[in-house]
Amino acid sequence: MTYFVYMLKCVSSVKKRTYVGYTKDLDKRLEKHNNNKGAKYTKGNKWKIIYKKKFLSKNKAMSFEYILKNNKKKRLQIFNKHK
């Protein structure tokens, strides 16, 4: 099974807001975030995918998600590439 770690950028806010998660289906997950059915943090805003990385196991995806969520410097670099 294929999993993706992704990073979203908020397009409906002036603030620099990002969200990191993992999923099996990127399109469905983005649709949920944009329709207020995703994570609580993403509700009420519109999002676009600015980063994705593919993994062949759920454990590897979850491990990388944890690393990316906690690496503010890397998240800011990704964000700045997609202004």
PDB file of N, CA and C in Angstrom:
ATOM      1  N   MET A   1       0.841  -1.181   0.000  1.00  0.00           N
ATOM      2  CA  MET A   1       0.000   0.000   0.000  1.00  0.00           C
ATOM      3  C   MET A   1       0.886   1.244   0.000  1.00  0.00           C
ATOM      4  N   THR A   2       0.449   2.271  -0.698  1.00  0.00           N
ATOM      5  CA  THR A   2       1.189   3.524  -0.792  1.00  0.00           C
ATOM      6  C   THR A   2       0.578   4.569   0.130  1.00  0.00           C
ATOM      7  N   TYR A   3       1.438   5.287   0.827  1.00  0.00           N
ATOM      8  CA  TYR A   3       1.017   6.378   1.704  1.00  0.00           C
ATOM      9  C   TYR A   3       1.770   7.645   1.310  1.00  0.00           C
ATOM     10  N   PHE A   4       1.176   8.781   1.600  1.00  0.00           N
ATOM     11  CA  PHE A   4       1.793  10.069   1.327  1.00  0.00           C
ATOM     12  C   PHE A   4       1.840  10.903   2.590  1.00  0.00           C
ATOM     13  N   VAL A   5       2.959  11.571   2.786  1.00  0.00           N
ATOM     14  CA  VAL A   5       3.042  12.636   3.787  1.00  0.00           C
ATOM     15  C   VAL A   5       2.909  13.914   2.980  1.00  0.00           C
ATOM     16  N   TYR A   6       2.066  14.810   3.462  1.00  0.00           N
ATOM     17  CA  TYR A   6       1.792  16.027   2.714  1.00  0.00           C
ATOM     18  C   TYR A   6       1.840  17.247   3.622  1.00  0.00           C
ATOM     19  N   MET A   7       2.052  18.395   2.997  1.00  0.00           N
ATOM     20  CA  MET A   7       1.996  19.660   3.717  1.00  0.00           C
ATOM     21  C   MET A   7       1.053  20.576   2.972  1.00  0.00           C
ATOM     22  N   LEU A   8       0.133  21.169   3.718  1.00  0.00           N
ATOM     23  CA  LEU A   8      -0.836  22.093   3.161  1.00  0.00           C
ATOM     24  C   LEU A   8      -0.473  23.515   3.537  1.00  0.00           C
ATOM     25  N   LYS A   9      -0.853  24.426   2.665  1.00  0.00           N
ATOM     26  CA  LYS A   9      -0.701  25.868   2.915  1.00  0.00           C
ATOM     27  C   LYS A   9      -2.098  26.467   2.883  1.00  0.00           C
ATOM     28  N   CYS A  10      -2.406  27.308   3.853  1.00  0.00           N
ATOM     29  CA  CYS A  10      -3.700  27.968   3.904  1.00  0.00           C
ATOM     30  C   CYS A  10      -3.719  29.086   2.866  1.00  0.00           C
ATOM     31  N   VAL A  11      -4.724  29.061   1.990  1.00  0.00           N
ATOM     32  CA  VAL A  11      -4.829  30.090   0.957  1.00  0.00           C
ATOM     33  C   VAL A  11      -5.927  31.110   1.281  1.00  0.00           C
ATOM     34  N   SER A  12      -6.633  30.925   2.393  1.00  0.00           N
ATOM     35  CA  SER A  12      -7.715  31.844   2.747  1.00  0.00           C
ATOM     36  C   SER A  12      -7.359  32.720   3.947  1.00  0.00           C
ATOM     37  N   SER A  13      -6.096  32.713   4.343  1.00  0.00           N
ATOM     38  CA  SER A  13      -5.660  33.501   5.493  1.00  0.00           C
ATOM     39  C   SER A  13      -4.380  34.249   5.150  1.00  0.00           C
ATOM     40  N   VAL A  14      -4.202  35.407   5.746  1.00  0.00           N
ATOM     41  CA  VAL A  14      -2.984  36.195   5.539  1.00  0.00           C
ATOM     42  C   VAL A  14      -1.826  35.590   6.335  1.00  0.00           C
ATOM     43  N   LYS A  15      -2.152  34.942   7.449  1.00  0.00           N
ATOM     44  CA  LYS A  15      -1.120  34.336   8.298  1.00  0.00           C
ATOM     45  C   LYS A  15      -0.470  33.146   7.593  1.00  0.00           C
ATOM     46  N   LYS A  16       0.789  32.888   7.941  1.00  0.00           N
ATOM     47  CA  LYS A  16       1.506  31.722   7.425  1.00  0.00           C
ATOM     48  C   LYS A  16       1.021  30.499   8.192  1.00  0.00           C
ATOM     49  N   ARG A  17       0.060  29.790   7.637  1.00  0.00           N
ATOM     50  CA  ARG A  17      -0.478  28.602   8.291  1.00  0.00           C
ATOM     51  C   ARG A  17      -0.206  27.387   7.431  1.00  0.00           C
ATOM     52  N   THR A  18       0.324  26.356   8.056  1.00  0.00           N
ATOM     53  CA  THR A  18       0.571  25.101   7.361  1.00  0.00           C
ATOM     54  C   THR A  18       0.007  23.960   8.190  1.00  0.00           C
ATOM     55  N   TYR A  19      -0.170  22.825   7.530  1.00  0.00           N
ATOM     56  CA  TYR A  19      -0.644  21.622   8.193  1.00  0.00           C
ATOM     57  C   TYR A  19       0.074  20.441   7.560  1.00  0.00           C
ATOM     58  N   VAL A  20       0.516  19.500   8.393  1.00  0.00           N
ATOM     59  CA  VAL A  20       1.205  18.296   7.911  1.00  0.00           C
ATOM     60  C   VAL A  20       0.391  17.076   8.322  1.00  0.00           C
ATOM     61  N   GLY A  21       0.244  16.143   7.387  1.00  0.00           N
ATOM     62  CA  GLY A  21      -0.482  14.915   7.680  1.00  0.00           C
ATOM     63  C   GLY A  21      -0.026  13.791   6.768  1.00  0.00           C
ATOM     64  N   TYR A  22      -0.671  12.634   6.920  1.00  0.00           N
ATOM     65  CA  TYR A  22      -0.393  11.513   6.023  1.00  0.00           C
ATOM     66  C   TYR A  22      -1.720  10.890   5.599  1.00  0.00           C
ATOM     67  N   THR A  23      -1.714  10.257   4.438  1.00  0.00           N
ATOM     68  CA  THR A  23      -2.942   9.674   3.896  1.00  0.00           C
ATOM     69  C   THR A  23      -2.617   8.644   2.830  1.00  0.00           C
ATOM     70  N   LYS A  24      -3.629   7.867   2.462  1.00  0.00           N
ATOM     71  CA  LYS A  24      -3.512   6.951   1.336  1.00  0.00           C
ATOM     72  C   LYS A  24      -3.988   7.621   0.049  1.00  0.00           C
ATOM     73  N   ASP A  25      -4.892   8.591   0.164  1.00  0.00           N
ATOM     74  CA  ASP A  25      -5.496   9.239  -1.011  1.00  0.00           C
ATOM     75  C   ASP A  25      -5.432  10.762  -0.849  1.00  0.00           C
ATOM     76  N   LEU A  26      -4.487  11.391  -1.534  1.00  0.00           N
ATOM     77  CA  LEU A  26      -4.279  12.838  -1.400  1.00  0.00           C
ATOM     78  C   LEU A  26      -5.486  13.662  -1.836  1.00  0.00           C
ATOM     79  N   ASP A  27      -6.089  13.305  -2.941  1.00  0.00           N
ATOM     80  CA  ASP A  27      -7.217  14.086  -3.452  1.00  0.00           C
ATOM     81  C   ASP A  27      -8.402  14.073  -2.481  1.00  0.00           C
ATOM     82  N   LYS A  28      -8.743  12.901  -1.982  1.00  0.00           N
ATOM     83  CA  LYS A  28      -9.855  12.806  -1.034  1.00  0.00           C
ATOM     84  C   LYS A  28      -9.546  13.550   0.258  1.00  0.00           C
ATOM     85  N   ARG A  29      -8.313  13.445   0.711  1.00  0.00           N
ATOM     86  CA  ARG A  29      -7.934  14.098   1.974  1.00  0.00           C
ATOM     87  C   ARG A  29      -7.983  15.617   1.835  1.00  0.00           C
ATOM     88  N   LEU A  30      -7.486  16.158   0.729  1.00  0.00           N
ATOM     89  CA  LEU A  30      -7.544  17.601   0.511  1.00  0.00           C
ATOM     90  C   LEU A  30      -9.002  18.061   0.438  1.00  0.00           C
ATOM     91  N   GLU A  31      -9.838  17.278  -0.228  1.00  0.00           N
ATOM     92  CA  GLU A  31     -11.261  17.614  -0.313  1.00  0.00           C
ATOM     93  C   GLU A  31     -11.886  17.678   1.080  1.00  0.00           C
ATOM     94  N   LYS A  32     -11.522  16.735   1.951  1.00  0.00           N
ATOM     95  CA  LYS A  32     -12.045  16.750   3.322  1.00  0.00           C
ATOM     96  C   LYS A  32     -11.583  17.999   4.071  1.00  0.00           C
ATOM     97  N   HIS A  33     -10.311  18.342   3.947  1.00  0.00           N
ATOM     98  CA  HIS A  33      -9.801  19.543   4.615  1.00  0.00           C
ATOM     99  C   HIS A  33     -10.558  20.786   4.131  1.00  0.00           C
ATOM    100  N   ASN A  34     -10.802  20.875   2.849  1.00  0.00           N
ATOM    101  CA  ASN A  34     -11.449  22.059   2.287  1.00  0.00           C
ATOM    102  C   ASN A  34     -12.963  22.087   2.489  1.00  0.00           C
ATOM    103  N   ASN A  35     -13.538  20.968   2.926  1.00  0.00           N
ATOM    104  CA  ASN A  35     -14.975  20.902   3.195  1.00  0.00           C
ATOM    105  C   ASN A  35     -15.277  20.749   4.687  1.00  0.00           C
ATOM    106  N   ASN A  36     -14.347  21.170   5.517  1.00  0.00           N
ATOM    107  CA  ASN A  36     -14.516  21.173   6.977  1.00  0.00           C
ATOM    108  C   ASN A  36     -14.753  19.787   7.574  1.00  0.00           C
ATOM    109  N   LYS A  37     -14.233  18.749   6.922  1.00  0.00           N
ATOM    110  CA  LYS A  37     -14.371  17.395   7.438  1.00  0.00           C
ATOM    111  C   LYS A  37     -13.014  16.773   7.740  1.00  0.00           C
ATOM    112  N   GLY A  38     -11.964  17.570   7.651  1.00  0.00           N
ATOM    113  CA  GLY A  38     -10.614  17.084   7.925  1.00  0.00           C
ATOM    114  C   GLY A  38     -10.265  17.328   9.385  1.00  0.00           C
ATOM    115  N   ALA A  39      -9.026  17.595   9.640  1.00  0.00           N
ATOM    116  CA  ALA A  39      -8.548  17.857  10.992  1.00  0.00           C
ATOM    117  C   ALA A  39      -9.173  19.140  11.545  1.00  0.00           C
ATOM    118  N   LYS A  40      -9.358  19.177  12.833  1.00  0.00           N
ATOM    119  CA  LYS A  40      -9.970  20.334  13.500  1.00  0.00           C
ATOM    120  C   LYS A  40      -9.215  21.627  13.165  1.00  0.00           C
ATOM    121  N   TYR A  41      -7.911  21.559  13.108  1.00  0.00           N
ATOM    122  CA  TYR A  41      -7.066  22.736  12.831  1.00  0.00           C
ATOM    123  C   TYR A  41      -7.353  23.345  11.461  1.00  0.00           C
ATOM    124  N   THR A  42      -7.757  22.532  10.502  1.00  0.00           N
ATOM    125  CA  THR A  42      -7.927  23.016   9.129  1.00  0.00           C
ATOM    126  C   THR A  42      -9.333  23.536   8.837  1.00  0.00           C
ATOM    127  N   LYS A  43     -10.251  23.355   9.756  1.00  0.00           N
ATOM    128  CA  LYS A  43     -11.643  23.746   9.508  1.00  0.00           C
ATOM    129  C   LYS A  43     -11.787  25.251   9.319  1.00  0.00           C
ATOM    130  N   GLY A  44     -12.656  25.619   8.375  1.00  0.00           N
ATOM    131  CA  GLY A  44     -12.964  27.021   8.133  1.00  0.00           C
ATOM    132  C   GLY A  44     -12.000  27.728   7.199  1.00  0.00           C
ATOM    133  N   ASN A  45     -11.045  27.007   6.642  1.00  0.00           N
ATOM    134  CA  ASN A  45     -10.070  27.607   5.730  1.00  0.00           C
ATOM    135  C   ASN A  45      -9.971  26.778   4.459  1.00  0.00           C
ATOM    136  N   LYS A  46      -9.410  27.383   3.431  1.00  0.00           N
ATOM    137  CA  LYS A  46      -9.135  26.677   2.175  1.00  0.00           C
ATOM    138  C   LYS A  46      -7.639  26.391   2.115  1.00  0.00           C
ATOM    139  N   TRP A  47      -7.298  25.213   1.614  1.00  0.00           N
ATOM    140  CA  TRP A  47      -5.921  24.724   1.626  1.00  0.00           C
ATOM    141  C   TRP A  47      -5.506  24.242   0.252  1.00  0.00           C
ATOM    142  N   LYS A  48      -4.178  24.266   0.017  1.00  0.00           N
ATOM    143  CA  LYS A  48      -3.625  23.632  -1.185  1.00  0.00           C
ATOM    144  C   LYS A  48      -2.386  22.848  -0.773  1.00  0.00           C
ATOM    145  N   ILE A  49      -2.127  21.787  -1.505  1.00  0.00           N
ATOM    146  CA  ILE A  49      -0.963  20.942  -1.227  1.00  0.00           C
ATOM    147  C   ILE A  49       0.274  21.620  -1.793  1.00  0.00           C
ATOM    148  N   ILE A  50       1.296  21.795  -0.937  1.00  0.00           N
ATOM    149  CA  ILE A  50       2.543  22.408  -1.406  1.00  0.00           C
ATOM    150  C   ILE A  50       3.723  21.439  -1.314  1.00  0.00           C
ATOM    151  N   TYR A  51       3.483  20.263  -0.720  1.00  0.00           N
ATOM    152  CA  TYR A  51       4.559  19.276  -0.591  1.00  0.00           C
ATOM    153  C   TYR A  51       3.926  17.901  -0.415  1.00  0.00           C
ATOM    154  N   LYS A  52       4.527  16.906  -1.049  1.00  0.00           N
ATOM    155  CA  LYS A  52       4.103  15.521  -0.840  1.00  0.00           C
ATOM    156  C   LYS A  52       5.292  14.591  -1.030  1.00  0.00           C
ATOM    157  N   LYS A  53       5.293  13.525  -0.272  1.00  0.00           N
ATOM    158  CA  LYS A  53       6.347  12.514  -0.372  1.00  0.00           C
ATOM    159  C   LYS A  53       5.691  11.147  -0.233  1.00  0.00           C
ATOM    160  N   LYS A  54       6.081  10.225  -1.095  1.00  0.00           N
ATOM    161  CA  LYS A  54       5.472   8.899  -1.175  1.00  0.00           C
ATOM    162  C   LYS A  54       6.244   7.882  -0.332  1.00  0.00           C
ATOM    163  N   PHE A  55       5.498   6.997   0.349  1.00  0.00           N
ATOM    164  CA  PHE A  55       6.085   5.929   1.158  1.00  0.00           C
ATOM    165  C   PHE A  55       5.376   4.620   0.862  1.00  0.00           C
ATOM    166  N   LEU A  56       6.105   3.527   1.013  1.00  0.00           N
ATOM    167  CA  LEU A  56       5.530   2.210   0.750  1.00  0.00           C
ATOM    168  C   LEU A  56       4.977   1.544   2.000  1.00  0.00           C
ATOM    169  N   SER A  57       5.195   2.146   3.171  1.00  0.00           N
ATOM    170  CA  SER A  57       4.631   1.582   4.393  1.00  0.00           C
ATOM    171  C   SER A  57       4.051   2.687   5.269  1.00  0.00           C
ATOM    172  N   LYS A  58       3.028   2.321   6.017  1.00  0.00           N
ATOM    173  CA  LYS A  58       2.374   3.273   6.912  1.00  0.00           C
ATOM    174  C   LYS A  58       3.337   3.732   8.005  1.00  0.00           C
ATOM    175  N   ASN A  59       4.135   2.820   8.537  1.00  0.00           N
ATOM    176  CA  ASN A  59       5.083   3.167   9.609  1.00  0.00           C
ATOM    177  C   ASN A  59       6.095   4.214   9.151  1.00  0.00           C
ATOM    178  N   LYS A  60       6.624   4.054   7.948  1.00  0.00           N
ATOM    179  CA  LYS A  60       7.598   5.020   7.441  1.00  0.00           C
ATOM    180  C   LYS A  60       6.946   6.377   7.210  1.00  0.00           C
ATOM    181  N   ALA A  61       5.719   6.365   6.694  1.00  0.00           N
ATOM    182  CA  ALA A  61       4.994   7.620   6.476  1.00  0.00           C
ATOM    183  C   ALA A  61       4.732   8.323   7.808  1.00  0.00           C
ATOM    184  N   MET A  62       4.304   7.573   8.799  1.00  0.00           N
ATOM    185  CA  MET A  62       4.016   8.163  10.108  1.00  0.00           C
ATOM    186  C   MET A  62       5.279   8.711  10.764  1.00  0.00           C
ATOM    187  N   SER A  63       6.377   8.012  10.613  1.00  0.00           N
ATOM    188  CA  SER A  63       7.646   8.483  11.180  1.00  0.00           C
ATOM    189  C   SER A  63       8.085   9.788  10.527  1.00  0.00           C
ATOM    190  N   PHE A  64       7.979   9.855   9.197  1.00  0.00           N
ATOM    191  CA  PHE A  64       8.377  11.075   8.498  1.00  0.00           C
ATOM    192  C   PHE A  64       7.418  12.224   8.811  1.00  0.00           C
ATOM    193  N   GLU A  65       6.139  11.913   8.934  1.00  0.00           N
ATOM    194  CA  GLU A  65       5.155  12.939   9.301  1.00  0.00           C
ATOM    195  C   GLU A  65       5.538  13.570  10.640  1.00  0.00           C
ATOM    196  N   TYR A  66       5.899  12.753  11.606  1.00  0.00           N
ATOM    197  CA  TYR A  66       6.297  13.247  12.927  1.00  0.00           C
ATOM    198  C   TYR A  66       7.515  14.170  12.814  1.00  0.00           C
ATOM    199  N   ILE A  67       8.496  13.751  12.022  1.00  0.00           N
ATOM    200  CA  ILE A  67       9.712  14.551  11.842  1.00  0.00           C
ATOM    201  C   ILE A  67       9.380  15.892  11.197  1.00  0.00           C
ATOM    202  N   LEU A  68       8.576  15.864  10.134  1.00  0.00           N
ATOM    203  CA  LEU A  68       8.238  17.103   9.429  1.00  0.00           C
ATOM    204  C   LEU A  68       7.384  18.032  10.291  1.00  0.00           C
ATOM    205  N   LYS A  69       6.456  17.466  11.050  1.00  0.00           N
ATOM    206  CA  LYS A  69       5.618  18.292  11.927  1.00  0.00           C
ATOM    207  C   LYS A  69       6.451  19.050  12.949  1.00  0.00           C
ATOM    208  N   ASN A  70       7.531  18.448  13.377  1.00  0.00           N
ATOM    209  CA  ASN A  70       8.336  19.045  14.433  1.00  0.00           C
ATOM    210  C   ASN A  70       9.558  19.807  13.937  1.00  0.00           C
ATOM    211  N   ASN A  71       9.763  19.863  12.616  1.00  0.00           N
ATOM    212  CA  ASN A  71      10.905  20.569  12.047  1.00  0.00           C
ATOM    213  C   ASN A  71      10.421  21.893  11.450  1.00  0.00           C
ATOM    214  N   LYS A  72      10.332  22.916  12.287  1.00  0.00           N
ATOM    215  CA  LYS A  72       9.809  24.223  11.861  1.00  0.00           C
ATOM    216  C   LYS A  72      10.650  24.841  10.742  1.00  0.00           C
ATOM    217  N   LYS A  73      11.950  24.623  10.777  1.00  0.00           N
ATOM    218  CA  LYS A  73      12.838  25.185   9.762  1.00  0.00           C
ATOM    219  C   LYS A  73      12.524  24.593   8.384  1.00  0.00           C
ATOM    220  N   LYS A  74      12.374  23.288   8.303  1.00  0.00           N
ATOM    221  CA  LYS A  74      12.061  22.614   7.039  1.00  0.00           C
ATOM    222  C   LYS A  74      10.682  23.048   6.527  1.00  0.00           C
ATOM    223  N   ARG A  75       9.702  23.164   7.435  1.00  0.00           N
ATOM    224  CA  ARG A  75       8.363  23.589   7.041  1.00  0.00           C
ATOM    225  C   ARG A  75       8.385  25.012   6.474  1.00  0.00           C
ATOM    226  N   LEU A  76       9.173  25.876   7.079  1.00  0.00           N
ATOM    227  CA  LEU A  76       9.272  27.244   6.599  1.00  0.00           C
ATOM    228  C   LEU A  76       9.943  27.293   5.227  1.00  0.00           C
ATOM    229  N   GLN A  77      10.975  26.458   5.012  1.00  0.00           N
ATOM    230  CA  GLN A  77      11.626  26.388   3.706  1.00  0.00           C
ATOM    231  C   GLN A  77      10.629  25.969   2.630  1.00  0.00           C
ATOM    232  N   ILE A  78       9.839  24.947   2.915  1.00  0.00           N
ATOM    233  CA  ILE A  78       8.834  24.477   1.948  1.00  0.00           C
ATOM    234  C   ILE A  78       7.812  25.572   1.690  1.00  0.00           C
ATOM    235  N   PHE A  79       7.343  26.216   2.753  1.00  0.00           N
ATOM    236  CA  PHE A  79       6.360  27.290   2.638  1.00  0.00           C
ATOM    237  C   PHE A  79       6.884  28.422   1.754  1.00  0.00           C
ATOM    238  N   ASN A  80       8.115  28.829   1.989  1.00  0.00           N
ATOM    239  CA  ASN A  80       8.693  29.952   1.249  1.00  0.00           C
ATOM    240  C   ASN A  80       8.902  29.646  -0.232  1.00  0.00           C
ATOM    241  N   LYS A  81       9.055  28.390  -0.578  1.00  0.00           N
ATOM    242  CA  LYS A  81       9.191  28.003  -1.992  1.00  0.00           C
ATOM    243  C   LYS A  81       7.863  28.172  -2.738  1.00  0.00           C
ATOM    244  N   HIS A  82       6.755  28.202  -2.006  1.00  0.00           N
ATOM    245  CA  HIS A  82       5.428  28.225  -2.636  1.00  0.00           C
ATOM    246  C   HIS A  82       4.616  29.448  -2.254  1.00  0.00           C
ATOM    247  N   LYS A  83       5.262  30.589  -2.226  1.00  0.00           N
ATOM    248  CA  LYS A  83       4.543  31.835  -1.882  1.00  0.00           C
ATOM    249  C   LYS A  83       3.628  32.258  -2.989  1.00  0.00           C
TER     250      LYS A  83
END
